[in-house]
N, C-alpha and C. Protein backbone atom coordinates (compact mmCIF):
# COMPACT_ATOMS: atom_id res chain seq x y z
N MET A 1 0.80 -1.14 0.35
CA MET A 1 0.17 0.16 0.21
C MET A 1 0.82 1.09 0.14
N SER A 2 0.49 2.23 -0.88
CA SER A 2 1.33 3.05 -0.91
C SER A 2 0.58 4.27 -0.20
N ARG A 3 1.44 5.36 0.39
CA ARG A 3 0.74 6.76 0.68
C ARG A 3 0.32 7.88 0.02
N PRO A 4 -1.28 7.99 0.41
CA PRO A 4 -1.36 9.10 -0.65
C PRO A 4 -0.26 10.47 -0.65
N THR A 5 -0.17 11.09 -1.91
CA THR A 5 0.59 12.21 -1.54
C THR A 5 -0.32 13.19 -1.79
N GLY A 6 0.09 14.74 -1.71
CA GLY A 6 -0.26 15.71 -2.20
C GLY A 6 -1.36 16.36 -0.69
N ARG A 7 -2.11 17.44 -0.97
CA ARG A 7 -2.81 17.85 0.22
C ARG A 7 -3.80 17.15 0.16
N PRO A 8 -4.30 16.70 1.84
CA PRO A 8 -5.48 16.16 2.13
C PRO A 8 -6.54 16.60 1.50
N SER A 9 -7.81 15.94 1.02
CA SER A 9 -9.14 16.25 0.97
C SER A 9 -9.34 17.34 1.84
N LEU A 10 -10.13 18.09 1.61
CA LEU A 10 -11.19 19.35 2.19
C LEU A 10 -12.46 18.35 2.69
N GLY A 11 -12.78 17.73 1.47
CA GLY A 11 -14.19 16.97 1.97
C GLY A 11 -15.57 18.52 1.84
N ARG A 12 -16.16 17.85 2.71
CA ARG A 12 -17.40 19.21 2.84
C ARG A 12 -16.92 20.67 2.93
N LYS A 13 -15.60 20.39 3.68
CA LYS A 13 -15.17 22.12 4.16
C LYS A 13 -14.61 22.66 2.63
N LYS A 14 -14.37 22.34 1.20
CA LYS A 14 -14.22 22.39 0.19
C LYS A 14 -14.76 23.91 -0.05
N ARG A 15 -13.93 24.99 -0.55
CA ARG A 15 -14.22 26.21 -0.79
C ARG A 15 -15.16 26.20 -2.51
N VAL A 16 -16.55 26.40 -2.29
CA VAL A 16 -16.80 26.55 -3.76
C VAL A 16 -17.59 27.92 -4.05
N HIS A 17 -17.77 28.83 -3.02
CA HIS A 17 -17.87 29.87 -3.45
C HIS A 17 -16.98 30.85 -3.82
N THR A 18 -17.50 31.73 -4.16
CA THR A 18 -16.46 33.10 -4.51
C THR A 18 -16.91 34.44 -4.15
N LEU A 19 -16.55 35.32 -4.13
CA LEU A 19 -16.66 36.68 -3.72
C LEU A 19 -15.84 37.78 -4.58
N LYS A 20 -16.35 38.03 -5.47
CA LYS A 20 -15.55 39.20 -6.37
C LYS A 20 -15.26 40.68 -5.92
N LEU A 21 -14.42 40.92 -5.43
CA LEU A 21 -13.73 42.34 -4.94
C LEU A 21 -12.89 43.58 -6.05
N SER A 22 -13.62 44.60 -5.84
CA SER A 22 -12.44 45.35 -6.92
C SER A 22 -12.18 46.38 -6.03
N PHE A 23 -10.85 46.65 -6.55
CA PHE A 23 -9.82 47.41 -5.75
C PHE A 23 -9.40 48.71 -6.77
N ASN A 24 -9.10 49.92 -6.38
CA ASN A 24 -8.36 50.87 -7.25
C ASN A 24 -6.63 50.45 -6.61
N ASP A 25 -5.86 50.96 -7.66
CA ASP A 25 -4.23 50.84 -7.59
C ASP A 25 -4.00 50.80 -6.11
N ASP A 26 -4.21 52.06 -5.42
CA ASP A 26 -3.72 52.41 -3.94
C ASP A 26 -4.08 51.10 -3.23
N GLU A 27 -5.63 51.04 -3.20
CA GLU A 27 -5.97 50.09 -2.01
C GLU A 27 -5.18 48.28 -2.47
N PHE A 28 -5.35 47.98 -4.12
CA PHE A 28 -4.53 46.61 -4.13
C PHE A 28 -2.86 46.90 -3.49
N ASP A 29 -2.66 47.59 -3.74
CA ASP A 29 -1.13 48.07 -3.24
C ASP A 29 -1.01 47.65 -1.72
N VAL A 30 -2.03 48.57 -0.93
CA VAL A 30 -2.17 48.33 0.82
C VAL A 30 -2.42 46.83 0.50
N ILE A 31 -3.30 46.28 0.28
CA ILE A 31 -3.51 44.84 0.53
C ILE A 31 -2.42 43.79 0.09
N ASP A 32 -1.50 44.37 -0.84
CA ASP A 32 -0.68 43.60 -1.14
C ASP A 32 0.63 43.52 -0.05
N ILE A 33 0.77 44.69 0.54
CA ILE A 33 1.76 45.12 1.17
C ILE A 33 1.57 44.24 2.67
N LYS A 34 0.06 44.22 3.47
CA LYS A 34 -0.27 43.80 4.53
C LYS A 34 -0.50 42.06 4.27
N ALA A 35 -0.54 41.66 2.93
CA ALA A 35 -0.39 40.52 2.88
C ALA A 35 0.97 39.89 3.10
N SER A 36 1.88 40.41 2.55
CA SER A 36 3.06 40.21 2.34
C SER A 36 3.74 40.48 3.78
N ARG A 37 3.49 41.51 4.59
CA ARG A 37 3.99 41.20 5.84
C ARG A 37 3.28 40.35 6.68
N ALA A 38 2.42 39.84 6.73
CA ALA A 38 1.78 38.86 7.49
C ALA A 38 2.00 37.34 6.85
N GLY A 39 2.97 37.38 5.83
CA GLY A 39 3.41 36.25 4.71
C GLY A 39 2.77 35.01 4.29
N MET A 40 0.90 35.65 3.81
CA MET A 40 0.29 35.22 3.12
C MET A 40 0.08 35.99 1.97
N CYS A 41 -0.73 34.81 1.14
CA CYS A 41 -1.15 35.45 -0.31
C CYS A 41 -2.17 36.39 0.01
N LYS A 42 -2.13 37.15 -1.17
CA LYS A 42 -3.40 38.30 -1.17
C LYS A 42 -5.19 37.83 -0.70
N THR A 43 -4.88 36.53 -1.43
CA THR A 43 -6.16 35.86 -1.22
C THR A 43 -6.41 35.12 0.21
N VAL A 44 -5.59 34.57 0.84
CA VAL A 44 -5.77 34.07 2.14
C VAL A 44 -6.24 35.54 3.16
N TYR A 45 -5.27 36.50 3.06
CA TYR A 45 -5.35 37.45 3.60
C TYR A 45 -6.75 38.34 4.28
N GLY A 46 -7.29 38.53 2.64
CA GLY A 46 -8.37 38.61 2.19
C GLY A 46 -9.38 37.72 2.93
N ARG A 47 -9.45 36.90 3.04
CA ARG A 47 -10.22 35.84 3.46
C ARG A 47 -10.47 35.89 5.12
N GLU A 48 -9.20 35.90 5.70
CA GLU A 48 -9.19 36.11 7.05
C GLU A 48 -9.80 37.92 7.36
N ALA A 49 -9.18 38.34 6.65
CA ALA A 49 -9.43 39.74 7.31
C ALA A 49 -11.10 39.94 7.07
N ALA A 50 -11.47 39.15 5.88
CA ALA A 50 -13.25 39.61 6.12
C ALA A 50 -13.87 39.01 7.03
N LEU A 51 -13.22 37.47 7.02
CA LEU A 51 -14.26 36.92 8.25
C LEU A 51 -13.81 36.99 9.64
N ASN A 52 -12.94 37.89 9.99
CA ASN A 52 -12.22 38.38 11.33
C ASN A 52 -12.61 40.21 11.88
N ALA A 53 -13.29 40.79 10.42
CA ALA A 53 -13.39 42.32 10.96
C ALA A 53 -14.43 42.35 11.90
N GLU A 54 -14.22 43.61 12.53
CA GLU A 54 -15.09 44.04 13.20
C GLU A 54 -15.70 45.31 12.20
N VAL A 55 -17.21 45.12 12.02
CA VAL A 55 -17.27 45.91 10.91
C VAL A 55 -18.77 46.82 12.23
N THR A 56 -18.56 47.92 11.97
CA THR A 56 -19.78 49.21 12.74
C THR A 56 -20.96 49.33 11.87
N GLY A 57 -22.11 48.56 11.69
CA GLY A 57 -23.47 48.87 10.89
C GLY A 57 -23.62 50.51 10.89
N VAL A 58 -24.74 50.90 10.24
CA VAL A 58 -25.33 52.14 10.33
C VAL A 58 -25.87 52.28 11.46
N LEU A 59 -26.39 53.48 11.84
CA LEU A 59 -26.80 53.84 13.35
C LEU A 59 -28.06 53.77 13.03
N THR A 60 -28.99 53.24 13.73
CA THR A 60 -30.63 53.32 13.97
C THR A 60 -31.01 54.26 14.51
N ASP A 61 -32.22 54.96 14.39
CA ASP A 61 -32.52 55.43 14.69
C ASP A 61 -32.50 55.91 15.91
N GLU A 62 -32.52 55.16 16.71
CA GLU A 62 -32.67 55.57 18.46
C GLU A 62 -31.11 55.43 18.85
N GLU A 63 -30.24 55.05 18.37
CA GLU A 63 -28.97 55.46 18.12
C GLU A 63 -28.45 56.94 17.93
N LYS A 64 -29.37 57.22 16.95
CA LYS A 64 -28.87 58.79 16.37
C LYS A 64 -29.80 59.55 17.43
N MET A 65 -30.71 59.22 17.81
CA MET A 65 -31.64 60.05 18.55
C MET A 65 -30.67 60.28 19.95
N LEU A 66 -30.02 59.42 20.52
CA LEU A 66 -29.27 59.13 21.61
C LEU A 66 -28.08 59.68 21.59
N LEU A 67 -27.86 59.92 20.36
CA LEU A 67 -26.29 60.79 19.94
C LEU A 67 -26.77 62.30 19.74
N HIS A 68 -27.63 62.62 19.46
CA HIS A 68 -28.49 64.09 19.07
C HIS A 68 -28.67 64.36 20.83
N GLU A 69 -29.08 63.68 21.68
CA GLU A 69 -29.35 64.17 23.11
C GLU A 69 -27.58 64.39 23.56
N LEU A 70 -26.74 63.22 23.54
CA LEU A 70 -25.83 63.69 24.12
C LEU A 70 -25.02 65.28 23.58
N LYS A 71 -25.20 65.36 22.15
CA LYS A 71 -24.88 66.69 21.56
C LYS A 71 -25.42 67.70 22.06
N LYS A 72 -26.73 67.71 22.48
CA LYS A 72 -27.59 68.69 23.13
C LYS A 72 -26.96 69.02 24.65
N LEU A 73 -26.41 68.18 25.10
CA LEU A 73 -25.86 68.18 26.46
C LEU A 73 -24.45 69.01 26.18
N GLY A 74 -23.71 69.10 25.43
CA GLY A 74 -22.56 69.91 25.44
C GLY A 74 -22.37 71.22 26.09
N PRO A 75 -23.33 72.19 25.01
CA PRO A 75 -23.47 73.24 25.34
C PRO A 75 -23.76 73.62 27.24
N ASN A 76 -24.75 72.56 27.25
CA ASN A 76 -25.51 72.72 28.85
C ASN A 76 -23.79 72.72 29.96
N LEU A 77 -23.09 71.92 29.27
CA LEU A 77 -21.73 71.28 30.30
C LEU A 77 -21.02 72.76 30.07
N ASN A 78 -20.76 72.72 29.30
CA ASN A 78 -20.14 74.60 28.70
C ASN A 78 -20.25 75.99 29.88
N GLN A 79 -21.84 75.87 29.46
CA GLN A 79 -22.40 76.82 30.44
C GLN A 79 -21.89 77.07 32.26
N VAL A 80 -22.37 75.51 32.82
CA VAL A 80 -21.87 75.46 33.72
C VAL A 80 -20.58 75.48 34.17
N ALA A 81 -19.85 75.21 33.01
CA ALA A 81 -18.12 75.65 33.21
C ALA A 81 -17.94 77.04 33.34
N HIS A 82 -18.61 77.63 32.72
CA HIS A 82 -18.57 79.35 32.84
C HIS A 82 -19.05 79.43 33.83
N HIS A 83 -20.30 79.14 34.40
CA HIS A 83 -20.75 79.77 35.47
C HIS A 83 -19.47 79.44 36.91
N ALA A 84 -19.29 77.97 37.00
CA ALA A 84 -18.02 77.76 38.11
C ALA A 84 -17.36 78.54 37.98
N ASN A 85 -16.43 78.99 36.94
CA ASN A 85 -15.42 79.78 36.67
C ASN A 85 -15.79 81.02 37.51
N ALA A 86 -17.10 81.34 37.02
CA ALA A 86 -17.38 83.05 37.78
C ALA A 86 -17.61 82.74 39.01
N GLU A 87 -18.34 81.99 39.44
CA GLU A 87 -18.85 82.42 40.80
C GLU A 87 -18.52 81.27 41.63
N GLY A 88 -18.03 80.06 41.21
CA GLY A 88 -17.29 79.21 41.86
C GLY A 88 -18.19 77.85 41.74
N PHE A 89 -17.25 76.78 42.02
CA PHE A 89 -18.02 75.61 41.68
C PHE A 89 -19.11 75.22 42.45
N LEU A 90 -18.99 75.63 43.98
CA LEU A 90 -20.42 75.04 44.74
C LEU A 90 -21.69 75.64 44.34
N SER A 91 -21.50 76.59 43.65
CA SER A 91 -23.12 77.70 42.86
C SER A 91 -23.63 76.76 41.96
N VAL A 92 -22.88 75.38 40.90
CA VAL A 92 -23.40 74.82 39.97
C VAL A 92 -23.26 73.44 40.67
N ALA A 93 -22.43 72.96 41.39
CA ALA A 93 -22.55 71.38 41.48
C ALA A 93 -23.45 70.73 41.09
N ASP A 94 -24.86 71.07 41.74
CA ASP A 94 -25.83 70.23 41.21
C ASP A 94 -26.67 70.23 39.62
N LYS A 95 -26.13 71.29 39.41
CA LYS A 95 -26.42 71.49 37.48
C LYS A 95 -24.96 70.35 36.88
N ALA A 96 -24.33 70.35 37.41
CA ALA A 96 -23.05 69.83 36.93
C ALA A 96 -23.13 68.55 36.94
N GLU A 97 -23.90 68.04 38.38
CA GLU A 97 -23.75 66.55 38.67
C GLU A 97 -24.92 65.94 37.75
N ASN A 98 -26.30 66.88 37.85
CA ASN A 98 -27.54 66.48 36.71
C ASN A 98 -26.81 66.50 35.22
N ILE A 99 -26.22 67.11 35.05
CA ILE A 99 -25.29 67.15 33.37
C ILE A 99 -24.47 65.40 33.12
N VAL A 100 -23.32 65.58 34.15
CA VAL A 100 -22.50 64.15 34.14
C VAL A 100 -24.04 63.21 34.28
N ASP A 101 -24.79 63.06 35.18
CA ASP A 101 -25.47 61.55 35.01
C ASP A 101 -26.21 61.55 33.87
N SER A 102 -26.74 62.54 33.17
CA SER A 102 -27.21 62.58 31.58
C SER A 102 -26.41 61.80 30.90
N ILE A 103 -25.21 62.50 30.73
CA ILE A 103 -24.29 61.97 30.00
C ILE A 103 -23.81 60.49 29.77
N ALA A 104 -23.54 60.30 31.14
CA ALA A 104 -23.51 58.89 31.97
C ALA A 104 -24.69 57.78 31.25
N LYS A 105 -25.72 58.26 31.41
CA LYS A 105 -26.82 57.41 31.09
C LYS A 105 -27.15 57.06 29.80
N TYR A 106 -26.71 58.07 28.94
CA TYR A 106 -26.81 57.74 27.33
C TYR A 106 -25.81 57.27 27.06
N ILE A 107 -24.66 57.50 27.45
CA ILE A 107 -23.58 56.55 26.81
C ILE A 107 -23.55 55.52 27.38
N LEU A 108 -24.06 55.02 28.49
CA LEU A 108 -24.34 53.55 28.90
C LEU A 108 -25.38 52.79 27.77
N LYS A 109 -26.13 53.77 27.63
CA LYS A 109 -27.64 52.94 26.56
C LYS A 109 -26.85 52.75 25.38
N LEU A 110 -25.98 54.00 24.55
CA LEU A 110 -25.46 53.39 23.58
C LEU A 110 -24.14 52.30 23.41
N LYS A 111 -23.50 52.08 24.71
CA LYS A 111 -22.87 51.08 24.95
C LYS A 111 -23.90 49.74 25.00
N ALA A 112 -24.71 49.79 25.23
CA ALA A 112 -25.61 48.00 25.45
C ALA A 112 -25.75 48.48 23.91
N ARG A 113 -26.20 49.39 23.28
CA ARG A 113 -26.69 48.92 21.94
C ARG A 113 -25.75 48.40 21.20
N ILE A 114 -24.72 48.92 21.30
CA ILE A 114 -23.65 48.57 20.59
C ILE A 114 -23.04 46.89 20.86
N LYS A 115 -23.33 46.49 22.24
CA LYS A 115 -23.06 44.91 22.53
C LYS A 115 -23.82 43.83 21.79
N THR A 116 -25.43 44.69 21.42
CA THR A 116 -26.84 43.81 21.01
C THR A 116 -26.25 43.25 19.46
């Protein structure tokens, strides 16, 4: 009995689907350089990059609303800082604490949305 030579059969894991991608010259050069540095051919590099990439999707309406609310708090915080510089921090401590709490609340909501 002779031993089989060559690459072992992939069986069910054989890759039968293709995905065509297009790049401009600069993008292709970047991929070529990155693949070379990783010691991979461009195809393997592209497959690994696609399968392991962290992709952020488009913001939902709720996420957009949360970001809008966060942006609206910025000027309020700035006004509180001006009052604190002029009158002392104790005069605006409650307002500052409320704004910081609101900012933290919106950030936590956004983080929870990102994780799901």
